[in-house]
Amino acid sequence: MIAGQIRIRFATVALALIAAVASAQTPASDLESRPASRPSAVQYLYPEQITLPAGKPANIELHFRVAPGLHINSHTPSAEELIPTTLSIPEESGVTLDRAVYPAGSSFILPLDPKTRLSVYTGDFTIQARIVATAGNHMVEAKLRYQACDSSSCMPPKTITAAIDVIGN
């Protein structure tokens, strides 16, 4: 009886160890694709829908929010190797991005290198866009490309979608 209990305990411990080792070896790419992964560093806030005269340039404001504790490089980062924040609209959307005016970046000093100053966005920021839409209803999936960092490391560059229903009258 005691030998049987020892075997059961041994098997239970062995299975627990195998499960722990297997979960520790899950590739990072698999973890990123899971729904429970961390939310995006930047969130598109609004507008969700706009109406403008068809064929004529119109100014709109696109509002975004950087997650607390993070920053993203501004549109004009302080060094050539840094990835700028950029807005684009796919050509086939029926809407053309004529011009984008980005906010000035805030100065950020790296704790690990106080001599380095970065130009970044934190918190809420707005991009002023001038767009032209053809007549009709267009579901535009504008793209914001950025690189998010915390005070000690950066994440890989990412692109998020800003979905906007543009109605050209």
N, C-alpha and C. Protein backbone atom coordinates (compact mmCIF):
# COMPACT_ATOMS: atom_id res chain seq x y z
N MET A 1 0.82 -1.19 0.00
CA MET A 1 0.00 0.00 0.00
C MET A 1 0.86 1.25 0.00
N ILE A 2 1.89 1.29 0.81
CA ILE A 2 2.77 2.45 0.88
C ILE A 2 3.50 2.64 -0.44
N ALA A 3 3.96 1.56 -1.06
CA ALA A 3 4.66 1.65 -2.35
C ALA A 3 3.73 2.25 -3.41
N GLY A 4 2.45 1.89 -3.41
CA GLY A 4 1.47 2.43 -4.36
C GLY A 4 1.27 3.93 -4.17
N GLN A 5 1.21 4.38 -2.92
CA GLN A 5 1.05 5.80 -2.62
C GLN A 5 2.27 6.60 -3.06
N ILE A 6 3.44 6.02 -2.89
CA ILE A 6 4.68 6.68 -3.31
C ILE A 6 4.68 6.84 -4.83
N ARG A 7 4.26 5.78 -5.55
CA ARG A 7 4.22 5.86 -7.01
C ARG A 7 3.23 6.94 -7.48
N ILE A 8 2.08 7.03 -6.83
CA ILE A 8 1.08 8.04 -7.19
C ILE A 8 1.63 9.44 -6.95
N ARG A 9 2.26 9.65 -5.79
CA ARG A 9 2.86 10.96 -5.50
C ARG A 9 3.96 11.29 -6.49
N PHE A 10 4.80 10.31 -6.81
CA PHE A 10 5.88 10.52 -7.75
C PHE A 10 5.31 10.91 -9.12
N ALA A 11 4.27 10.19 -9.56
CA ALA A 11 3.65 10.48 -10.86
C ALA A 11 3.04 11.88 -10.86
N THR A 12 2.39 12.27 -9.76
CA THR A 12 1.78 13.60 -9.66
C THR A 12 2.84 14.69 -9.74
N VAL A 13 3.94 14.53 -9.01
CA VAL A 13 5.03 15.51 -9.03
C VAL A 13 5.66 15.57 -10.41
N ALA A 14 5.86 14.41 -11.03
CA ALA A 14 6.47 14.36 -12.36
C ALA A 14 5.58 15.09 -13.38
N LEU A 15 4.28 14.86 -13.34
CA LEU A 15 3.37 15.55 -14.26
C LEU A 15 3.37 17.06 -14.03
N ALA A 16 3.40 17.47 -12.77
CA ALA A 16 3.45 18.90 -12.47
C ALA A 16 4.72 19.54 -13.01
N LEU A 17 5.85 18.86 -12.87
CA LEU A 17 7.12 19.37 -13.40
C LEU A 17 7.10 19.45 -14.92
N ILE A 18 6.56 18.44 -15.57
CA ILE A 18 6.46 18.45 -17.04
C ILE A 18 5.60 19.62 -17.50
N ALA A 19 4.48 19.84 -16.84
CA ALA A 19 3.60 20.96 -17.21
C ALA A 19 4.30 22.30 -17.01
N ALA A 20 5.04 22.45 -15.92
CA ALA A 20 5.76 23.71 -15.65
C ALA A 20 6.83 23.96 -16.69
N VAL A 21 7.58 22.93 -17.05
CA VAL A 21 8.63 23.08 -18.06
C VAL A 21 8.02 23.40 -19.42
N ALA A 22 6.93 22.74 -19.78
CA ALA A 22 6.29 22.99 -21.07
C ALA A 22 5.77 24.41 -21.18
N SER A 23 5.17 24.93 -20.12
CA SER A 23 4.65 26.30 -20.18
C SER A 23 5.77 27.32 -20.20
N ALA A 24 6.88 27.03 -19.58
CA ALA A 24 8.02 27.95 -19.59
C ALA A 24 8.68 28.00 -20.95
N GLN A 25 8.49 26.97 -21.78
CA GLN A 25 9.12 26.93 -23.08
C GLN A 25 8.19 27.37 -24.20
N THR A 26 7.04 27.93 -23.89
CA THR A 26 6.13 28.42 -24.91
C THR A 26 6.79 29.58 -25.64
N PRO A 27 6.91 29.51 -26.98
CA PRO A 27 7.55 30.60 -27.72
C PRO A 27 6.82 31.92 -27.53
N ALA A 28 7.58 33.03 -27.52
CA ALA A 28 7.00 34.36 -27.32
C ALA A 28 5.97 34.66 -28.39
N SER A 29 6.18 34.21 -29.63
CA SER A 29 5.21 34.47 -30.69
C SER A 29 3.87 33.82 -30.39
N ASP A 30 3.88 32.64 -29.75
CA ASP A 30 2.62 32.00 -29.38
C ASP A 30 1.91 32.79 -28.29
N LEU A 31 2.68 33.34 -27.35
CA LEU A 31 2.08 34.12 -26.28
C LEU A 31 1.45 35.39 -26.81
N GLU A 32 2.09 36.03 -27.81
CA GLU A 32 1.56 37.28 -28.37
C GLU A 32 0.25 37.06 -29.09
N SER A 33 0.01 35.89 -29.66
CA SER A 33 -1.20 35.64 -30.43
C SER A 33 -2.38 35.25 -29.55
N ARG A 34 -2.14 35.04 -28.30
CA ARG A 34 -3.23 34.65 -27.40
C ARG A 34 -4.07 35.87 -27.04
N PRO A 35 -5.39 35.68 -26.87
CA PRO A 35 -6.27 36.79 -26.55
C PRO A 35 -5.94 37.47 -25.22
N ALA A 36 -5.30 36.79 -24.30
CA ALA A 36 -5.01 37.36 -22.99
C ALA A 36 -3.75 38.21 -23.01
N SER A 37 -3.15 38.41 -24.20
CA SER A 37 -1.93 39.20 -24.26
C SER A 37 -2.22 40.65 -23.88
N ARG A 38 -1.15 41.36 -23.55
CA ARG A 38 -1.33 42.72 -23.05
C ARG A 38 -1.92 43.63 -24.12
N PRO A 39 -2.67 44.66 -23.72
CA PRO A 39 -3.29 45.55 -24.69
C PRO A 39 -2.24 46.37 -25.44
N SER A 40 -2.68 46.95 -26.54
CA SER A 40 -1.79 47.76 -27.37
C SER A 40 -1.26 48.96 -26.58
N ALA A 41 -0.04 49.35 -26.89
CA ALA A 41 0.58 50.49 -26.21
C ALA A 41 -0.09 51.80 -26.60
N VAL A 42 -0.70 51.83 -27.79
CA VAL A 42 -1.40 53.03 -28.26
C VAL A 42 -2.82 52.63 -28.65
N GLN A 43 -3.76 53.47 -28.28
CA GLN A 43 -5.17 53.21 -28.56
C GLN A 43 -5.72 54.37 -29.39
N TYR A 44 -6.49 54.03 -30.44
CA TYR A 44 -7.20 55.05 -31.21
C TYR A 44 -8.47 55.39 -30.45
N LEU A 45 -8.74 56.68 -30.24
CA LEU A 45 -9.89 57.10 -29.46
C LEU A 45 -11.09 57.50 -30.33
N TYR A 46 -10.92 58.51 -31.19
CA TYR A 46 -12.01 59.00 -32.04
C TYR A 46 -11.47 59.97 -33.07
N PRO A 47 -12.26 60.31 -34.12
CA PRO A 47 -13.68 60.11 -34.37
C PRO A 47 -13.95 58.74 -35.00
N GLU A 48 -15.18 58.28 -34.83
CA GLU A 48 -15.60 57.02 -35.43
C GLU A 48 -16.24 57.26 -36.79
N GLN A 49 -16.85 58.44 -36.95
CA GLN A 49 -17.52 58.77 -38.20
C GLN A 49 -17.40 60.26 -38.48
N ILE A 50 -17.17 60.59 -39.76
CA ILE A 50 -17.15 62.00 -40.16
C ILE A 50 -17.86 62.15 -41.50
N THR A 51 -18.47 63.30 -41.70
CA THR A 51 -19.10 63.63 -42.97
C THR A 51 -18.42 64.88 -43.50
N LEU A 52 -18.07 64.84 -44.80
CA LEU A 52 -17.39 65.98 -45.39
C LEU A 52 -17.79 66.11 -46.85
N PRO A 53 -17.56 67.29 -47.44
CA PRO A 53 -17.90 67.47 -48.85
C PRO A 53 -17.03 66.59 -49.75
N ALA A 54 -17.64 65.83 -50.65
CA ALA A 54 -16.89 64.95 -51.55
C ALA A 54 -15.99 65.77 -52.47
N GLY A 55 -14.77 65.29 -52.66
CA GLY A 55 -13.83 65.91 -53.59
C GLY A 55 -13.15 67.17 -53.08
N LYS A 56 -13.44 67.60 -51.87
CA LYS A 56 -12.84 68.82 -51.33
C LYS A 56 -12.02 68.47 -50.09
N PRO A 57 -10.86 69.10 -49.93
CA PRO A 57 -10.05 68.83 -48.73
C PRO A 57 -10.79 69.25 -47.46
N ALA A 58 -10.67 68.41 -46.43
CA ALA A 58 -11.29 68.70 -45.14
C ALA A 58 -10.29 68.35 -44.04
N ASN A 59 -10.29 69.17 -43.00
CA ASN A 59 -9.40 68.94 -41.86
C ASN A 59 -10.14 68.14 -40.79
N ILE A 60 -9.48 67.11 -40.28
CA ILE A 60 -10.04 66.32 -39.19
C ILE A 60 -8.96 66.13 -38.12
N GLU A 61 -9.40 65.81 -36.93
CA GLU A 61 -8.47 65.52 -35.83
C GLU A 61 -8.63 64.06 -35.43
N LEU A 62 -7.51 63.36 -35.38
CA LEU A 62 -7.50 61.96 -34.95
C LEU A 62 -6.86 61.90 -33.57
N HIS A 63 -7.58 61.33 -32.62
CA HIS A 63 -7.13 61.32 -31.22
C HIS A 63 -6.64 59.93 -30.81
N PHE A 64 -5.47 59.91 -30.16
CA PHE A 64 -4.84 58.68 -29.72
C PHE A 64 -4.43 58.80 -28.25
N ARG A 65 -4.17 57.65 -27.63
CA ARG A 65 -3.71 57.63 -26.23
C ARG A 65 -2.60 56.59 -26.08
N VAL A 66 -1.48 57.03 -25.49
CA VAL A 66 -0.37 56.14 -25.17
C VAL A 66 -0.61 55.59 -23.76
N ALA A 67 -0.43 54.32 -23.58
CA ALA A 67 -0.67 53.67 -22.28
C ALA A 67 0.24 54.26 -21.21
N PRO A 68 -0.25 54.33 -19.96
CA PRO A 68 0.57 54.86 -18.86
C PRO A 68 1.89 54.10 -18.72
N GLY A 69 2.94 54.84 -18.43
CA GLY A 69 4.26 54.24 -18.23
C GLY A 69 5.03 54.02 -19.52
N LEU A 70 4.41 54.32 -20.66
CA LEU A 70 5.07 54.14 -21.95
C LEU A 70 5.18 55.48 -22.68
N HIS A 71 6.05 55.53 -23.66
CA HIS A 71 6.13 56.66 -24.58
C HIS A 71 6.39 56.09 -25.96
N ILE A 72 6.08 56.89 -26.99
CA ILE A 72 6.40 56.51 -28.36
C ILE A 72 7.20 57.65 -28.97
N ASN A 73 8.07 57.32 -29.92
CA ASN A 73 8.83 58.36 -30.59
C ASN A 73 7.88 59.31 -31.30
N SER A 74 8.20 60.59 -31.32
CA SER A 74 7.38 61.54 -32.05
C SER A 74 7.55 61.32 -33.55
N HIS A 75 6.88 62.14 -34.34
CA HIS A 75 7.01 62.06 -35.79
C HIS A 75 8.42 62.47 -36.24
N THR A 76 9.06 63.28 -35.41
CA THR A 76 10.43 63.72 -35.70
C THR A 76 11.33 63.32 -34.53
N PRO A 77 11.70 62.03 -34.47
CA PRO A 77 12.53 61.58 -33.35
C PRO A 77 13.90 62.26 -33.36
N SER A 78 14.55 62.21 -32.22
CA SER A 78 15.82 62.93 -32.04
C SER A 78 17.02 62.25 -32.69
N ALA A 79 16.87 61.03 -33.17
CA ALA A 79 17.98 60.34 -33.83
C ALA A 79 17.45 59.59 -35.05
N GLU A 80 18.27 59.51 -36.08
CA GLU A 80 17.88 58.90 -37.34
C GLU A 80 17.48 57.43 -37.19
N GLU A 81 18.11 56.72 -36.27
CA GLU A 81 17.81 55.29 -36.12
C GLU A 81 16.51 55.01 -35.36
N LEU A 82 15.90 56.02 -34.77
CA LEU A 82 14.64 55.84 -34.05
C LEU A 82 13.48 55.85 -35.04
N ILE A 83 12.46 55.07 -34.75
CA ILE A 83 11.32 54.92 -35.66
C ILE A 83 10.29 56.00 -35.37
N PRO A 84 9.98 56.84 -36.37
CA PRO A 84 9.00 57.91 -36.16
C PRO A 84 7.57 57.38 -36.13
N THR A 85 6.69 58.11 -35.49
CA THR A 85 5.27 57.81 -35.52
C THR A 85 4.73 58.37 -36.83
N THR A 86 4.02 57.54 -37.60
CA THR A 86 3.49 57.97 -38.89
C THR A 86 2.06 57.51 -39.08
N LEU A 87 1.29 58.33 -39.78
CA LEU A 87 -0.10 58.03 -40.11
C LEU A 87 -0.20 57.81 -41.62
N SER A 88 -0.98 56.80 -42.02
CA SER A 88 -1.21 56.56 -43.45
C SER A 88 -2.65 56.09 -43.65
N ILE A 89 -3.12 56.28 -44.88
CA ILE A 89 -4.45 55.80 -45.26
C ILE A 89 -4.27 54.97 -46.53
N PRO A 90 -4.77 53.74 -46.55
CA PRO A 90 -4.62 52.90 -47.75
C PRO A 90 -5.22 53.57 -48.99
N GLU A 91 -4.53 53.46 -50.11
CA GLU A 91 -4.95 54.11 -51.35
C GLU A 91 -6.32 53.65 -51.83
N GLU A 92 -6.67 52.40 -51.63
CA GLU A 92 -7.92 51.86 -52.15
C GLU A 92 -9.14 52.19 -51.29
N SER A 93 -8.99 53.05 -50.29
CA SER A 93 -10.08 53.32 -49.35
C SER A 93 -11.10 54.33 -49.85
N GLY A 94 -10.82 55.06 -50.95
CA GLY A 94 -11.72 56.11 -51.40
C GLY A 94 -11.45 57.42 -50.70
N VAL A 95 -10.45 57.44 -49.83
CA VAL A 95 -10.06 58.65 -49.09
C VAL A 95 -8.55 58.81 -49.24
N THR A 96 -8.13 60.04 -49.50
CA THR A 96 -6.71 60.33 -49.66
C THR A 96 -6.23 61.20 -48.51
N LEU A 97 -5.08 60.86 -47.97
CA LEU A 97 -4.45 61.69 -46.94
C LEU A 97 -3.62 62.74 -47.67
N ASP A 98 -4.08 63.98 -47.64
CA ASP A 98 -3.40 65.09 -48.31
C ASP A 98 -2.22 65.58 -47.48
N ARG A 99 -2.41 65.60 -46.16
CA ARG A 99 -1.36 66.10 -45.26
C ARG A 99 -1.68 65.66 -43.84
N ALA A 100 -0.63 65.42 -43.07
CA ALA A 100 -0.78 65.13 -41.64
C ALA A 100 0.14 66.07 -40.88
N VAL A 101 -0.41 66.72 -39.87
CA VAL A 101 0.37 67.61 -39.01
C VAL A 101 0.41 66.95 -37.63
N TYR A 102 1.62 66.63 -37.21
CA TYR A 102 1.82 65.92 -35.95
C TYR A 102 2.12 66.92 -34.84
N PRO A 103 1.75 66.58 -33.61
CA PRO A 103 2.08 67.49 -32.50
C PRO A 103 3.59 67.49 -32.25
N ALA A 104 4.06 68.55 -31.61
CA ALA A 104 5.46 68.59 -31.20
C ALA A 104 5.66 67.53 -30.13
N GLY A 105 6.79 66.90 -30.15
CA GLY A 105 7.09 65.89 -29.14
C GLY A 105 7.52 66.54 -27.83
N SER A 106 7.36 65.80 -26.75
CA SER A 106 7.86 66.24 -25.44
C SER A 106 9.27 65.71 -25.26
N SER A 107 10.06 66.43 -24.50
CA SER A 107 11.43 66.00 -24.23
C SER A 107 11.42 64.92 -23.16
N PHE A 108 12.14 63.84 -23.41
CA PHE A 108 12.23 62.73 -22.48
C PHE A 108 13.71 62.38 -22.29
N ILE A 109 14.15 62.32 -21.05
CA ILE A 109 15.54 61.99 -20.74
C ILE A 109 15.60 60.54 -20.29
N LEU A 110 16.49 59.78 -20.93
CA LEU A 110 16.65 58.38 -20.56
C LEU A 110 17.31 58.27 -19.19
N PRO A 111 16.72 57.52 -18.25
CA PRO A 111 17.34 57.36 -16.93
C PRO A 111 18.72 56.71 -17.00
N LEU A 112 18.92 55.80 -17.97
CA LEU A 112 20.20 55.11 -18.09
C LEU A 112 21.26 55.96 -18.80
N ASP A 113 20.83 57.02 -19.50
CA ASP A 113 21.76 57.89 -20.22
C ASP A 113 21.23 59.33 -20.17
N PRO A 114 21.47 60.05 -19.08
CA PRO A 114 20.92 61.39 -18.90
C PRO A 114 21.34 62.41 -19.97
N LYS A 115 22.35 62.08 -20.77
CA LYS A 115 22.77 63.00 -21.83
C LYS A 115 21.87 62.89 -23.07
N THR A 116 21.10 61.81 -23.15
CA THR A 116 20.25 61.58 -24.31
C THR A 116 18.85 62.12 -24.06
N ARG A 117 18.41 63.00 -24.97
CA ARG A 117 17.05 63.54 -24.92
C ARG A 117 16.28 63.00 -26.13
N LEU A 118 15.10 62.48 -25.86
CA LEU A 118 14.25 61.96 -26.92
C LEU A 118 13.06 62.88 -27.13
N SER A 119 12.49 62.86 -28.33
CA SER A 119 11.26 63.58 -28.64
C SER A 119 10.16 62.53 -28.70
N VAL A 120 9.22 62.58 -27.74
CA VAL A 120 8.24 61.50 -27.60
C VAL A 120 6.82 62.03 -27.41
N TYR A 121 5.86 61.13 -27.57
CA TYR A 121 4.47 61.38 -27.21
C TYR A 121 4.15 60.49 -26.01
N THR A 122 3.43 61.07 -25.06
CA THR A 122 2.91 60.33 -23.91
C THR A 122 1.46 60.75 -23.71
N GLY A 123 0.69 59.94 -23.01
CA GLY A 123 -0.70 60.30 -22.74
C GLY A 123 -1.48 60.48 -24.03
N ASP A 124 -2.38 61.47 -24.04
CA ASP A 124 -3.22 61.73 -25.22
C ASP A 124 -2.49 62.65 -26.20
N PHE A 125 -2.63 62.36 -27.49
CA PHE A 125 -2.10 63.26 -28.52
C PHE A 125 -3.02 63.23 -29.72
N THR A 126 -2.96 64.30 -30.53
CA THR A 126 -3.85 64.47 -31.66
C THR A 126 -3.05 64.73 -32.93
N ILE A 127 -3.43 64.07 -34.00
CA ILE A 127 -2.84 64.32 -35.32
C ILE A 127 -3.89 65.06 -36.15
N GLN A 128 -3.49 66.20 -36.70
CA GLN A 128 -4.36 66.97 -37.58
C GLN A 128 -4.16 66.42 -38.99
N ALA A 129 -5.22 65.91 -39.60
CA ALA A 129 -5.12 65.33 -40.94
C ALA A 129 -6.00 66.12 -41.90
N ARG A 130 -5.48 66.29 -43.10
CA ARG A 130 -6.26 66.90 -44.18
C ARG A 130 -6.52 65.78 -45.18
N ILE A 131 -7.81 65.48 -45.37
CA ILE A 131 -8.18 64.35 -46.23
C ILE A 131 -9.12 64.81 -47.35
N VAL A 132 -9.18 64.01 -48.40
CA VAL A 132 -10.12 64.22 -49.50
C VAL A 132 -10.82 62.89 -49.74
N ALA A 133 -12.16 62.93 -49.76
CA ALA A 133 -12.94 61.70 -49.95
C ALA A 133 -13.74 61.78 -51.24
N THR A 134 -13.85 60.67 -51.93
CA THR A 134 -14.76 60.59 -53.07
C THR A 134 -16.18 60.47 -52.52
N ALA A 135 -17.17 60.66 -53.39
CA ALA A 135 -18.56 60.56 -52.95
C ALA A 135 -18.86 59.13 -52.48
N GLY A 136 -19.63 59.02 -51.42
CA GLY A 136 -20.03 57.72 -50.91
C GLY A 136 -19.60 57.49 -49.48
N ASN A 137 -19.87 56.28 -49.02
CA ASN A 137 -19.55 55.89 -47.64
C ASN A 137 -18.31 54.99 -47.69
N HIS A 138 -17.28 55.38 -46.96
CA HIS A 138 -16.01 54.67 -46.99
C HIS A 138 -15.60 54.25 -45.57
N MET A 139 -15.39 52.96 -45.38
CA MET A 139 -14.85 52.49 -44.10
C MET A 139 -13.33 52.52 -44.25
N VAL A 140 -12.73 53.53 -43.66
CA VAL A 140 -11.29 53.74 -43.79
C VAL A 140 -10.58 53.10 -42.61
N GLU A 141 -9.53 52.37 -42.92
CA GLU A 141 -8.69 51.78 -41.88
C GLU A 141 -7.34 52.48 -41.93
N ALA A 142 -7.31 53.68 -41.34
CA ALA A 142 -6.06 54.44 -41.27
C ALA A 142 -5.07 53.65 -40.42
N LYS A 143 -3.79 53.83 -40.68
CA LYS A 143 -2.75 53.08 -39.97
C LYS A 143 -1.84 54.05 -39.22
N LEU A 144 -1.59 53.74 -37.96
CA LEU A 144 -0.62 54.49 -37.16
C LEU A 144 0.52 53.53 -36.83
N ARG A 145 1.71 53.87 -37.32
CA ARG A 145 2.90 53.06 -37.04
C ARG A 145 3.72 53.78 -35.98
N TYR A 146 4.19 53.04 -34.99
CA TYR A 146 4.93 53.63 -33.87
C TYR A 146 5.83 52.59 -33.25
N GLN A 147 6.70 53.07 -32.37
CA GLN A 147 7.49 52.17 -31.53
C GLN A 147 7.34 52.63 -30.09
N ALA A 148 6.84 51.77 -29.25
CA ALA A 148 6.61 52.09 -27.84
C ALA A 148 7.79 51.63 -27.00
N CYS A 149 8.08 52.42 -25.96
CA CYS A 149 9.18 52.11 -25.05
C CYS A 149 8.76 52.46 -23.63
N ASP A 150 9.43 51.84 -22.66
CA ASP A 150 9.32 52.31 -21.28
C ASP A 150 10.65 52.98 -20.96
N SER A 151 10.95 53.20 -19.71
CA SER A 151 12.16 53.94 -19.37
C SER A 151 13.45 53.15 -19.58
N SER A 152 13.34 51.83 -19.83
CA SER A 152 14.57 51.05 -19.98
C SER A 152 14.66 50.21 -21.24
N SER A 153 13.55 50.00 -21.96
CA SER A 153 13.62 49.18 -23.18
C SER A 153 12.48 49.53 -24.14
N CYS A 154 12.67 49.11 -25.38
CA CYS A 154 11.66 49.37 -26.42
C CYS A 154 11.09 48.07 -26.94
N MET A 155 9.84 48.13 -27.37
CA MET A 155 9.16 46.99 -27.99
C MET A 155 9.39 47.06 -29.50
N PRO A 156 9.12 46.00 -30.21
CA PRO A 156 9.22 46.06 -31.67
C PRO A 156 8.21 47.07 -32.22
N PRO A 157 8.50 47.67 -33.38
CA PRO A 157 7.53 48.60 -33.98
C PRO A 157 6.20 47.90 -34.21
N LYS A 158 5.13 48.68 -34.17
CA LYS A 158 3.78 48.12 -34.32
C LYS A 158 2.93 49.09 -35.14
N THR A 159 1.94 48.55 -35.81
CA THR A 159 0.97 49.36 -36.54
C THR A 159 -0.42 49.02 -36.03
N ILE A 160 -1.19 50.05 -35.67
CA ILE A 160 -2.57 49.83 -35.26
C ILE A 160 -3.50 50.45 -36.31
N THR A 161 -4.74 50.00 -36.29
CA THR A 161 -5.75 50.51 -37.21
C THR A 161 -6.65 51.51 -36.50
N ALA A 162 -6.89 52.62 -37.18
CA ALA A 162 -7.85 53.62 -36.70
C ALA A 162 -9.03 53.56 -37.68
N ALA A 163 -10.10 52.86 -37.29
CA ALA A 163 -11.25 52.69 -38.18
C ALA A 163 -12.14 53.93 -38.12
N ILE A 164 -12.38 54.50 -39.31
CA ILE A 164 -13.19 55.73 -39.41
C ILE A 164 -14.17 55.56 -40.57
N ASP A 165 -15.43 55.79 -40.31
CA ASP A 165 -16.46 55.78 -41.36
C ASP A 165 -16.49 57.19 -41.93
N VAL A 166 -16.02 57.35 -43.18
CA VAL A 166 -15.96 58.66 -43.84
C VAL A 166 -17.08 58.72 -44.88
N ILE A 167 -17.95 59.71 -44.74
CA ILE A 167 -19.06 59.88 -45.67
C ILE A 167 -18.78 61.12 -46.50
N GLY A 168 -18.60 60.91 -47.80
CA GLY A 168 -18.38 62.03 -48.72
C GLY A 168 -19.69 62.42 -49.38
N ASN A 169 -20.17 63.63 -49.08
CA ASN A 169 -21.45 64.11 -49.67
C ASN A 169 -21.17 65.00 -50.85
